[in-house]
Amino acid sequence: MIKHIVMFKMKLEYEGKTAIENALEAKSRAEKLIDLVPTLKKLEVCINTEKANPDNYEFALVCDFDDIDGLNEYQVHPSHVEFGKFINPRRDLRACIDYEF
């Protein structure tokens, strides 16, 4: 199995919305991926709690795949590509790790 964890540090403001507002919109969009991408076996969509350190990343995805080929298929799946087009202009930083478990 492959675990894919990706975190996003959102821009303070984008198109009149705050970092948290954009993270919440990203969450709503990302939650749909589990039903759209066949190789995505498990998905957890996370928003940083407002009581946590404000330096934390605001948004994260924790995904499980059967193997690296499934992850690679996810990366180019049209639904994931579309999600990327949404989140990329709204984020300042991205951190990712993929590991076998």
PDB file of N, CA and C in Angstrom:
ATOM      1  N   MET A   1       0.857  -1.189   0.000  1.00  0.00           N
ATOM      2  CA  MET A   1       0.000   0.000   0.000  1.00  0.00           C
ATOM      3  C   MET A   1       0.897   1.245   0.000  1.00  0.00           C
ATOM      4  N   ILE A   2       0.370   2.295  -0.588  1.00  0.00           N
ATOM      5  CA  ILE A   2       1.066   3.584  -0.631  1.00  0.00           C
ATOM      6  C   ILE A   2       0.222   4.619   0.095  1.00  0.00           C
ATOM      7  N   LYS A   3       0.843   5.350   0.992  1.00  0.00           N
ATOM      8  CA  LYS A   3       0.207   6.485   1.674  1.00  0.00           C
ATOM      9  C   LYS A   3       0.752   7.749   1.009  1.00  0.00           C
ATOM     10  N   HIS A   4      -0.139   8.624   0.601  1.00  0.00           N
ATOM     11  CA  HIS A   4       0.198   9.904  -0.043  1.00  0.00           C
ATOM     12  C   HIS A   4      -0.359  10.999   0.852  1.00  0.00           C
ATOM     13  N   ILE A   5       0.544  11.772   1.466  1.00  0.00           N
ATOM     14  CA  ILE A   5       0.125  12.881   2.326  1.00  0.00           C
ATOM     15  C   ILE A   5       0.617  14.169   1.690  1.00  0.00           C
ATOM     16  N   VAL A   6      -0.303  15.077   1.453  1.00  0.00           N
ATOM     17  CA  VAL A   6       0.055  16.366   0.859  1.00  0.00           C
ATOM     18  C   VAL A   6      -0.599  17.468   1.683  1.00  0.00           C
ATOM     19  N   MET A   7       0.202  18.489   2.011  1.00  0.00           N
ATOM     20  CA  MET A   7      -0.281  19.613   2.821  1.00  0.00           C
ATOM     21  C   MET A   7      -0.119  20.906   2.026  1.00  0.00           C
ATOM     22  N   PHE A   8      -1.045  21.826   2.258  1.00  0.00           N
ATOM     23  CA  PHE A   8      -1.032  23.098   1.565  1.00  0.00           C
ATOM     24  C   PHE A   8      -1.064  24.255   2.557  1.00  0.00           C
ATOM     25  N   LYS A   9      -0.150  25.186   2.386  1.00  0.00           N
ATOM     26  CA  LYS A   9      -0.171  26.459   3.111  1.00  0.00           C
ATOM     27  C   LYS A   9      -0.863  27.431   2.171  1.00  0.00           C
ATOM     28  N   MET A  10      -2.048  27.842   2.554  1.00  0.00           N
ATOM     29  CA  MET A  10      -2.874  28.674   1.679  1.00  0.00           C
ATOM     30  C   MET A  10      -2.418  30.137   1.724  1.00  0.00           C
ATOM     31  N   LYS A  11      -2.670  30.846   0.637  1.00  0.00           N
ATOM     32  CA  LYS A  11      -2.420  32.288   0.623  1.00  0.00           C
ATOM     33  C   LYS A  11      -3.344  32.952   1.633  1.00  0.00           C
ATOM     34  N   LEU A  12      -2.878  34.014   2.272  1.00  0.00           N
ATOM     35  CA  LEU A  12      -3.711  34.713   3.258  1.00  0.00           C
ATOM     36  C   LEU A  12      -5.026  35.174   2.654  1.00  0.00           C
ATOM     37  N   GLU A  13      -4.977  35.552   1.372  1.00  0.00           N
ATOM     38  CA  GLU A  13      -6.185  36.017   0.678  1.00  0.00           C
ATOM     39  C   GLU A  13      -6.037  35.674  -0.794  1.00  0.00           C
ATOM     40  N   TYR A  14      -7.119  35.212  -1.395  1.00  0.00           N
ATOM     41  CA  TYR A  14      -7.158  34.963  -2.830  1.00  0.00           C
ATOM     42  C   TYR A  14      -8.581  35.180  -3.306  1.00  0.00           C
ATOM     43  N   GLU A  15      -8.731  36.054  -4.293  1.00  0.00           N
ATOM     44  CA  GLU A  15     -10.045  36.388  -4.856  1.00  0.00           C
ATOM     45  C   GLU A  15     -11.060  36.763  -3.781  1.00  0.00           C
ATOM     46  N   GLY A  16     -10.598  37.532  -2.800  1.00  0.00           N
ATOM     47  CA  GLY A  16     -11.485  38.047  -1.759  1.00  0.00           C
ATOM     48  C   GLY A  16     -11.835  37.062  -0.662  1.00  0.00           C
ATOM     49  N   LYS A  17     -11.228  35.883  -0.668  1.00  0.00           N
ATOM     50  CA  LYS A  17     -11.500  34.880   0.362  1.00  0.00           C
ATOM     51  C   LYS A  17     -10.254  34.660   1.202  1.00  0.00           C
ATOM     52  N   THR A  18     -10.460  34.382   2.486  1.00  0.00           N
ATOM     53  CA  THR A  18      -9.350  34.118   3.403  1.00  0.00           C
ATOM     54  C   THR A  18      -8.771  32.731   3.145  1.00  0.00           C
ATOM     55  N   ALA A  19      -7.642  32.472   3.772  1.00  0.00           N
ATOM     56  CA  ALA A  19      -6.999  31.158   3.656  1.00  0.00           C
ATOM     57  C   ALA A  19      -7.953  30.048   4.100  1.00  0.00           C
ATOM     58  N   ILE A  20      -8.628  30.249   5.195  1.00  0.00           N
ATOM     59  CA  ILE A  20      -9.540  29.217   5.699  1.00  0.00           C
ATOM     60  C   ILE A  20     -10.748  29.065   4.783  1.00  0.00           C
ATOM     61  N   GLU A  21     -11.285  30.152   4.281  1.00  0.00           N
ATOM     62  CA  GLU A  21     -12.415  30.048   3.341  1.00  0.00           C
ATOM     63  C   GLU A  21     -12.013  29.249   2.105  1.00  0.00           C
ATOM     64  N   ASN A  22     -10.823  29.515   1.580  1.00  0.00           N
ATOM     65  CA  ASN A  22     -10.356  28.760   0.421  1.00  0.00           C
ATOM     66  C   ASN A  22     -10.058  27.311   0.782  1.00  0.00           C
ATOM     67  N   ALA A  23      -9.551  27.064   1.975  1.00  0.00           N
ATOM     68  CA  ALA A  23      -9.311  25.689   2.419  1.00  0.00           C
ATOM     69  C   ALA A  23     -10.631  24.917   2.546  1.00  0.00           C
ATOM     70  N   LEU A  24     -11.655  25.573   3.038  1.00  0.00           N
ATOM     71  CA  LEU A  24     -12.965  24.915   3.156  1.00  0.00           C
ATOM     72  C   LEU A  24     -13.544  24.587   1.786  1.00  0.00           C
ATOM     73  N   GLU A  25     -13.370  25.481   0.826  1.00  0.00           N
ATOM     74  CA  GLU A  25     -13.822  25.203  -0.542  1.00  0.00           C
ATOM     75  C   GLU A  25     -13.009  24.048  -1.131  1.00  0.00           C
ATOM     76  N   ALA A  26     -11.699  24.028  -0.879  1.00  0.00           N
ATOM     77  CA  ALA A  26     -10.853  22.935  -1.348  1.00  0.00           C
ATOM     78  C   ALA A  26     -11.302  21.612  -0.733  1.00  0.00           C
ATOM     79  N   LYS A  27     -11.651  21.638   0.546  1.00  0.00           N
ATOM     80  CA  LYS A  27     -12.130  20.429   1.232  1.00  0.00           C
ATOM     81  C   LYS A  27     -13.374  19.885   0.551  1.00  0.00           C
ATOM     82  N   SER A  28     -14.317  20.766   0.263  1.00  0.00           N
ATOM     83  CA  SER A  28     -15.554  20.358  -0.396  1.00  0.00           C
ATOM     84  C   SER A  28     -15.271  19.705  -1.751  1.00  0.00           C
ATOM     85  N   ARG A  29     -14.352  20.282  -2.496  1.00  0.00           N
ATOM     86  CA  ARG A  29     -13.996  19.733  -3.810  1.00  0.00           C
ATOM     87  C   ARG A  29     -13.213  18.426  -3.686  1.00  0.00           C
ATOM     88  N   ALA A  30     -12.274  18.376  -2.760  1.00  0.00           N
ATOM     89  CA  ALA A  30     -11.423  17.195  -2.614  1.00  0.00           C
ATOM     90  C   ALA A  30     -12.216  15.975  -2.156  1.00  0.00           C
ATOM     91  N   GLU A  31     -13.206  16.175  -1.309  1.00  0.00           N
ATOM     92  CA  GLU A  31     -13.991  15.044  -0.792  1.00  0.00           C
ATOM     93  C   GLU A  31     -14.680  14.270  -1.916  1.00  0.00           C
ATOM     94  N   LYS A  32     -14.895  14.887  -3.044  1.00  0.00           N
ATOM     95  CA  LYS A  32     -15.545  14.227  -4.187  1.00  0.00           C
ATOM     96  C   LYS A  32     -14.597  13.265  -4.905  1.00  0.00           C
ATOM     97  N   LEU A  33     -13.300  13.434  -4.709  1.00  0.00           N
ATOM     98  CA  LEU A  33     -12.323  12.626  -5.441  1.00  0.00           C
ATOM     99  C   LEU A  33     -12.461  11.133  -5.152  1.00  0.00           C
ATOM    100  N   ILE A  34     -12.855  10.767  -3.950  1.00  0.00           N
ATOM    101  CA  ILE A  34     -12.967   9.358  -3.574  1.00  0.00           C
ATOM    102  C   ILE A  34     -13.960   8.622  -4.473  1.00  0.00           C
ATOM    103  N   ASP A  35     -14.984   9.307  -4.938  1.00  0.00           N
ATOM    104  CA  ASP A  35     -15.992   8.692  -5.810  1.00  0.00           C
ATOM    105  C   ASP A  35     -15.640   8.811  -7.290  1.00  0.00           C
ATOM    106  N   LEU A  36     -14.622   9.607  -7.606  1.00  0.00           N
ATOM    107  CA  LEU A  36     -14.293   9.881  -9.008  1.00  0.00           C
ATOM    108  C   LEU A  36     -13.029   9.183  -9.501  1.00  0.00           C
ATOM    109  N   VAL A  37     -12.125   8.850  -8.590  1.00  0.00           N
ATOM    110  CA  VAL A  37     -10.834   8.275  -8.975  1.00  0.00           C
ATOM    111  C   VAL A  37     -10.776   6.825  -8.485  1.00  0.00           C
ATOM    112  N   PRO A  38     -10.874   5.858  -9.391  1.00  0.00           N
ATOM    113  CA  PRO A  38     -10.953   4.443  -8.976  1.00  0.00           C
ATOM    114  C   PRO A  38      -9.753   3.942  -8.180  1.00  0.00           C
ATOM    115  N   THR A  39      -8.559   4.466  -8.425  1.00  0.00           N
ATOM    116  CA  THR A  39      -7.375   3.959  -7.719  1.00  0.00           C
ATOM    117  C   THR A  39      -7.228   4.521  -6.309  1.00  0.00           C
ATOM    118  N   LEU A  40      -8.011   5.530  -5.968  1.00  0.00           N
ATOM    119  CA  LEU A  40      -7.989   6.141  -4.637  1.00  0.00           C
ATOM    120  C   LEU A  40      -8.826   5.272  -3.700  1.00  0.00           C
ATOM    121  N   LYS A  41      -8.161   4.589  -2.776  1.00  0.00           N
ATOM    122  CA  LYS A  41      -8.832   3.618  -1.916  1.00  0.00           C
ATOM    123  C   LYS A  41      -9.369   4.221  -0.621  1.00  0.00           C
ATOM    124  N   LYS A  42      -8.704   5.231  -0.106  1.00  0.00           N
ATOM    125  CA  LYS A  42      -9.131   5.885   1.135  1.00  0.00           C
ATOM    126  C   LYS A  42      -8.686   7.335   1.058  1.00  0.00           C
ATOM    127  N   LEU A  43      -9.530   8.226   1.580  1.00  0.00           N
ATOM    128  CA  LEU A  43      -9.229   9.657   1.541  1.00  0.00           C
ATOM    129  C   LEU A  43      -9.662  10.308   2.846  1.00  0.00           C
ATOM    130  N   GLU A  44      -8.745  11.039   3.433  1.00  0.00           N
ATOM    131  CA  GLU A  44      -9.056  11.875   4.591  1.00  0.00           C
ATOM    132  C   GLU A  44      -8.686  13.306   4.208  1.00  0.00           C
ATOM    133  N   VAL A  45      -9.637  14.215   4.349  1.00  0.00           N
ATOM    134  CA  VAL A  45      -9.424  15.622   4.019  1.00  0.00           C
ATOM    135  C   VAL A  45      -9.424  16.398   5.328  1.00  0.00           C
ATOM    136  N   CYS A  46      -8.348  17.164   5.575  1.00  0.00           N
ATOM    137  CA  CYS A  46      -8.134  17.772   6.883  1.00  0.00           C
ATOM    138  C   CYS A  46      -7.995  19.286   6.778  1.00  0.00           C
ATOM    139  N   ILE A  47      -8.627  19.972   7.721  1.00  0.00           N
ATOM    140  CA  ILE A  47      -8.485  21.418   7.886  1.00  0.00           C
ATOM    141  C   ILE A  47      -7.854  21.642   9.259  1.00  0.00           C
ATOM    142  N   ASN A  48      -6.806  22.456   9.294  1.00  0.00           N
ATOM    143  CA  ASN A  48      -6.132  22.766  10.551  1.00  0.00           C
ATOM    144  C   ASN A  48      -7.118  23.429  11.519  1.00  0.00           C
ATOM    145  N   THR A  49      -7.109  23.015  12.764  1.00  0.00           N
ATOM    146  CA  THR A  49      -8.000  23.626  13.743  1.00  0.00           C
ATOM    147  C   THR A  49      -7.591  25.076  13.992  1.00  0.00           C
ATOM    148  N   GLU A  50      -8.572  25.928  14.170  1.00  0.00           N
ATOM    149  CA  GLU A  50      -8.280  27.359  14.353  1.00  0.00           C
ATOM    150  C   GLU A  50      -7.534  27.641  15.653  1.00  0.00           C
ATOM    151  N   LYS A  51      -7.530  26.686  16.586  1.00  0.00           N
ATOM    152  CA  LYS A  51      -6.814  26.868  17.851  1.00  0.00           C
ATOM    153  C   LYS A  51      -5.335  26.492  17.732  1.00  0.00           C
ATOM    154  N   ALA A  52      -4.960  25.892  16.609  1.00  0.00           N
ATOM    155  CA  ALA A  52      -3.572  25.466  16.415  1.00  0.00           C
ATOM    156  C   ALA A  52      -2.699  26.646  16.005  1.00  0.00           C
ATOM    157  N   ASN A  53      -1.411  26.413  16.001  1.00  0.00           N
ATOM    158  CA  ASN A  53      -0.442  27.429  15.604  1.00  0.00           C
ATOM    159  C   ASN A  53      -0.792  27.979  14.216  1.00  0.00           C
ATOM    160  N   PRO A  54      -0.893  29.284  14.075  1.00  0.00           N
ATOM    161  CA  PRO A  54      -1.250  29.856  12.769  1.00  0.00           C
ATOM    162  C   PRO A  54      -0.182  29.650  11.700  1.00  0.00           C
ATOM    163  N   ASP A  55       1.012  29.233  12.093  1.00  0.00           N
ATOM    164  CA  ASP A  55       2.051  28.919  11.113  1.00  0.00           C
ATOM    165  C   ASP A  55       1.831  27.556  10.449  1.00  0.00           C
ATOM    166  N   ASN A  56       0.926  26.740  11.005  1.00  0.00           N
ATOM    167  CA  ASN A  56       0.635  25.429  10.426  1.00  0.00           C
ATOM    168  C   ASN A  56       0.064  25.571   9.025  1.00  0.00           C
ATOM    169  N   TYR A  57       0.180  24.505   8.268  1.00  0.00           N
ATOM    170  CA  TYR A  57      -0.514  24.433   6.977  1.00  0.00           C
ATOM    171  C   TYR A  57      -2.011  24.327   7.271  1.00  0.00           C
ATOM    172  N   GLU A  58      -2.828  24.936   6.420  1.00  0.00           N
ATOM    173  CA  GLU A  58      -4.269  24.962   6.672  1.00  0.00           C
ATOM    174  C   GLU A  58      -5.013  23.723   6.168  1.00  0.00           C
ATOM    175  N   PHE A  59      -4.450  23.038   5.174  1.00  0.00           N
ATOM    176  CA  PHE A  59      -5.216  22.021   4.457  1.00  0.00           C
ATOM    177  C   PHE A  59      -4.328  20.827   4.137  1.00  0.00           C
ATOM    178  N   ALA A  60      -4.880  19.612   4.280  1.00  0.00           N
ATOM    179  CA  ALA A  60      -4.110  18.409   3.960  1.00  0.00           C
ATOM    180  C   ALA A  60      -5.015  17.316   3.401  1.00  0.00           C
ATOM    181  N   LEU A  61      -4.401  16.474   2.567  1.00  0.00           N
ATOM    182  CA  LEU A  61      -5.042  15.271   2.060  1.00  0.00           C
ATOM    183  C   LEU A  61      -4.196  14.076   2.493  1.00  0.00           C
ATOM    184  N   VAL A  62      -4.859  13.041   2.986  1.00  0.00           N
ATOM    185  CA  VAL A  62      -4.197  11.792   3.342  1.00  0.00           C
ATOM    186  C   VAL A  62      -4.888  10.709   2.518  1.00  0.00           C
ATOM    187  N   CYS A  63      -4.137  10.124   1.592  1.00  0.00           N
ATOM    188  CA  CYS A  63      -4.717   9.200   0.610  1.00  0.00           C
ATOM    189  C   CYS A  63      -4.014   7.848   0.658  1.00  0.00           C
ATOM    190  N   ASP A  64      -4.784   6.789   0.430  1.00  0.00           N
ATOM    191  CA  ASP A  64      -4.235   5.436   0.336  1.00  0.00           C
ATOM    192  C   ASP A  64      -4.472   4.884  -1.069  1.00  0.00           C
ATOM    193  N   PHE A  65      -3.433   4.200  -1.573  1.00  0.00           N
ATOM    194  CA  PHE A  65      -3.491   3.544  -2.871  1.00  0.00           C
ATOM    195  C   PHE A  65      -2.950   2.132  -2.709  1.00  0.00           C
ATOM    196  N   ASP A  66      -3.380   1.219  -3.563  1.00  0.00           N
ATOM    197  CA  ASP A  66      -2.877  -0.156  -3.511  1.00  0.00           C
ATOM    198  C   ASP A  66      -1.384  -0.221  -3.797  1.00  0.00           C
ATOM    199  N   ASP A  67      -0.927   0.637  -4.725  1.00  0.00           N
ATOM    200  CA  ASP A  67       0.474   0.597  -5.145  1.00  0.00           C
ATOM    201  C   ASP A  67       0.849   1.928  -5.799  1.00  0.00           C
ATOM    202  N   ILE A  68       2.116   2.059  -6.158  1.00  0.00           N
ATOM    203  CA  ILE A  68       2.603   3.303  -6.752  1.00  0.00           C
ATOM    204  C   ILE A  68       1.949   3.566  -8.104  1.00  0.00           C
ATOM    205  N   ASP A  69       1.601   2.513  -8.833  1.00  0.00           N
ATOM    206  CA  ASP A  69       0.916   2.709 -10.110  1.00  0.00           C
ATOM    207  C   ASP A  69      -0.439   3.376  -9.896  1.00  0.00           C
ATOM    208  N   GLY A  70      -1.140   2.995  -8.823  1.00  0.00           N
ATOM    209  CA  GLY A  70      -2.415   3.635  -8.505  1.00  0.00           C
ATOM    210  C   GLY A  70      -2.247   5.105  -8.180  1.00  0.00           C
ATOM    211  N   LEU A  71      -1.206   5.431  -7.439  1.00  0.00           N
ATOM    212  CA  LEU A  71      -0.912   6.842  -7.140  1.00  0.00           C
ATOM    213  C   LEU A  71      -0.597   7.596  -8.425  1.00  0.00           C
ATOM    214  N   ASN A  72       0.205   6.991  -9.280  1.00  0.00           N
ATOM    215  CA  ASN A  72       0.554   7.657 -10.528  1.00  0.00           C
ATOM    216  C   ASN A  72      -0.663   7.879 -11.422  1.00  0.00           C
ATOM    217  N   GLU A  73      -1.591   6.932 -11.424  1.00  0.00           N
ATOM    218  CA  GLU A  73      -2.836   7.106 -12.184  1.00  0.00           C
ATOM    219  C   GLU A  73      -3.673   8.247 -11.594  1.00  0.00           C
ATOM    220  N   TYR A  74      -3.725   8.318 -10.279  1.00  0.00           N
ATOM    221  CA  TYR A  74      -4.433   9.403  -9.585  1.00  0.00           C
ATOM    222  C   TYR A  74      -3.884  10.766  -9.997  1.00  0.00           C
ATOM    223  N   GLN A  75      -2.554  10.868 -10.072  1.00  0.00           N
ATOM    224  CA  GLN A  75      -1.925  12.151 -10.377  1.00  0.00           C
ATOM    225  C   GLN A  75      -2.381  12.718 -11.717  1.00  0.00           C
ATOM    226  N   VAL A  76      -2.657  11.868 -12.684  1.00  0.00           N
ATOM    227  CA  VAL A  76      -3.048  12.346 -14.020  1.00  0.00           C
ATOM    228  C   VAL A  76      -4.543  12.202 -14.293  1.00  0.00           C
ATOM    229  N   HIS A  77      -5.285  11.692 -13.324  1.00  0.00           N
ATOM    230  CA  HIS A  77      -6.732  11.544 -13.509  1.00  0.00           C
ATOM    231  C   HIS A  77      -7.355  12.927 -13.707  1.00  0.00           C
ATOM    232  N   PRO A  78      -8.271  13.086 -14.662  1.00  0.00           N
ATOM    233  CA  PRO A  78      -8.866  14.406 -14.927  1.00  0.00           C
ATOM    234  C   PRO A  78      -9.481  15.087 -13.699  1.00  0.00           C
ATOM    235  N   SER A  79     -10.071  14.335 -12.798  1.00  0.00           N
ATOM    236  CA  SER A  79     -10.675  14.946 -11.600  1.00  0.00           C
ATOM    237  C   SER A  79      -9.601  15.506 -10.673  1.00  0.00           C
ATOM    238  N   HIS A  80      -8.472  14.794 -10.547  1.00  0.00           N
ATOM    239  CA  HIS A  80      -7.370  15.305  -9.730  1.00  0.00           C
ATOM    240  C   HIS A  80      -6.716  16.508 -10.399  1.00  0.00           C
ATOM    241  N   VAL A  81      -6.536  16.450 -11.700  1.00  0.00           N
ATOM    242  CA  VAL A  81      -5.962  17.582 -12.443  1.00  0.00           C
ATOM    243  C   VAL A  81      -6.837  18.821 -12.257  1.00  0.00           C
ATOM    244  N   GLU A  82      -8.138  18.645 -12.323  1.00  0.00           N
ATOM    245  CA  GLU A  82      -9.065  19.766 -12.131  1.00  0.00           C
ATOM    246  C   GLU A  82      -8.951  20.330 -10.717  1.00  0.00           C
ATOM    247  N   PHE A  83      -8.837  19.453  -9.722  1.00  0.00           N
ATOM    248  CA  PHE A  83      -8.644  19.918  -8.350  1.00  0.00           C
ATOM    249  C   PHE A  83      -7.348  20.724  -8.241  1.00  0.00           C
ATOM    250  N   GLY A  84      -6.296  20.250  -8.882  1.00  0.00           N
ATOM    251  CA  GLY A  84      -5.020  20.972  -8.890  1.00  0.00           C
ATOM    252  C   GLY A  84      -5.149  22.371  -9.476  1.00  0.00           C
ATOM    253  N   LYS A  85      -5.932  22.494 -10.528  1.00  0.00           N
ATOM    254  CA  LYS A  85      -6.150  23.814 -11.142  1.00  0.00           C
ATOM    255  C   LYS A  85      -6.854  24.759 -10.165  1.00  0.00           C
ATOM    256  N   PHE A  86      -7.708  24.195  -9.307  1.00  0.00           N
ATOM    257  CA  PHE A  86      -8.384  25.020  -8.301  1.00  0.00           C
ATOM    258  C   PHE A  86      -7.418  25.440  -7.201  1.00  0.00           C
ATOM    259  N   ILE A  87      -6.681  24.482  -6.633  1.00  0.00           N
ATOM    260  CA  ILE A  87      -5.904  24.782  -5.431  1.00  0.00           C
ATOM    261  C   ILE A  87      -4.589  25.502  -5.716  1.00  0.00           C
ATOM    262  N   ASN A  88      -3.949  25.218  -6.823  1.00  0.00           N
ATOM    263  CA  ASN A  88      -2.617  25.788  -7.069  1.00  0.00           C
ATOM    264  C   ASN A  88      -2.545  27.306  -6.967  1.00  0.00           C
ATOM    265  N   PRO A  89      -3.452  28.062  -7.543  1.00  0.00           N
ATOM    266  CA  PRO A  89      -3.333  29.518  -7.398  1.00  0.00           C
ATOM    267  C   PRO A  89      -3.693  30.025  -5.997  1.00  0.00           C
ATOM    268  N   ARG A  90      -4.293  29.188  -5.170  1.00  0.00           N
ATOM    269  CA  ARG A  90      -4.733  29.586  -3.834  1.00  0.00           C
ATOM    270  C   ARG A  90      -3.717  29.233  -2.743  1.00  0.00           C
ATOM    271  N   ARG A  91      -2.640  28.559  -3.113  1.00  0.00           N
ATOM    272  CA  ARG A  91      -1.662  28.106  -2.121  1.00  0.00           C
ATOM    273  C   ARG A  91      -0.330  28.818  -2.312  1.00  0.00           C
ATOM    274  N   ASP A  92       0.375  28.962  -1.183  1.00  0.00           N
ATOM    275  CA  ASP A  92       1.740  29.475  -1.212  1.00  0.00           C
ATOM    276  C   ASP A  92       2.746  28.334  -1.216  1.00  0.00           C
ATOM    277  N   LEU A  93       2.469  27.307  -0.407  1.00  0.00           N
ATOM    278  CA  LEU A  93       3.412  26.207  -0.244  1.00  0.00           C
ATOM    279  C   LEU A  93       2.691  24.868  -0.329  1.00  0.00           C
ATOM    280  N   ARG A  94       3.449  23.845  -0.740  1.00  0.00           N
ATOM    281  CA  ARG A  94       2.944  22.481  -0.778  1.00  0.00           C
ATOM    282  C   ARG A  94       4.052  21.575  -0.253  1.00  0.00           C
ATOM    283  N   ALA A  95       3.676  20.632   0.601  1.00  0.00           N
ATOM    284  CA  ALA A  95       4.614  19.622   1.086  1.00  0.00           C
ATOM    285  C   ALA A  95       3.960  18.254   0.889  1.00  0.00           C
ATOM    286  N   CYS A  96       4.774  17.273   0.498  1.00  0.00           N
ATOM    287  CA  CYS A  96       4.212  15.969   0.193  1.00  0.00           C
ATOM    288  C   CYS A  96       5.182  14.872   0.585  1.00  0.00           C
ATOM    289  N   ILE A  97       4.619  13.734   0.976  1.00  0.00           N
ATOM    290  CA  ILE A  97       5.396  12.515   1.193  1.00  0.00           C
ATOM    291  C   ILE A  97       4.562  11.342   0.703  1.00  0.00           C
ATOM    292  N   ASP A  98       5.221  10.398   0.050  1.00  0.00           N
ATOM    293  CA  ASP A  98       4.596   9.152  -0.399  1.00  0.00           C
ATOM    294  C   ASP A  98       5.438   8.015   0.182  1.00  0.00           C
ATOM    295  N   TYR A  99       4.785   7.082   0.876  1.00  0.00           N
ATOM    296  CA  TYR A  99       5.545   5.986   1.473  1.00  0.00           C
ATOM    297  C   TYR A  99       4.736   4.698   1.466  1.00  0.00           C
ATOM    298  N   GLU A 100       5.461   3.603   1.506  1.00  0.00           N
ATOM    299  CA  GLU A 100       4.833   2.292   1.573  1.00  0.00           C
ATOM    300  C   GLU A 100       4.502   1.947   3.014  1.00  0.00           C
ATOM    301  N   PHE A 101       3.367   1.300   3.204  1.00  0.00           N
ATOM    302  CA  PHE A 101       2.999   0.843   4.549  1.00  0.00           C
ATOM    303  C   PHE A 101       2.345  -0.515   4.483  1.00  0.00           C
TER     304      PHE A 101
END
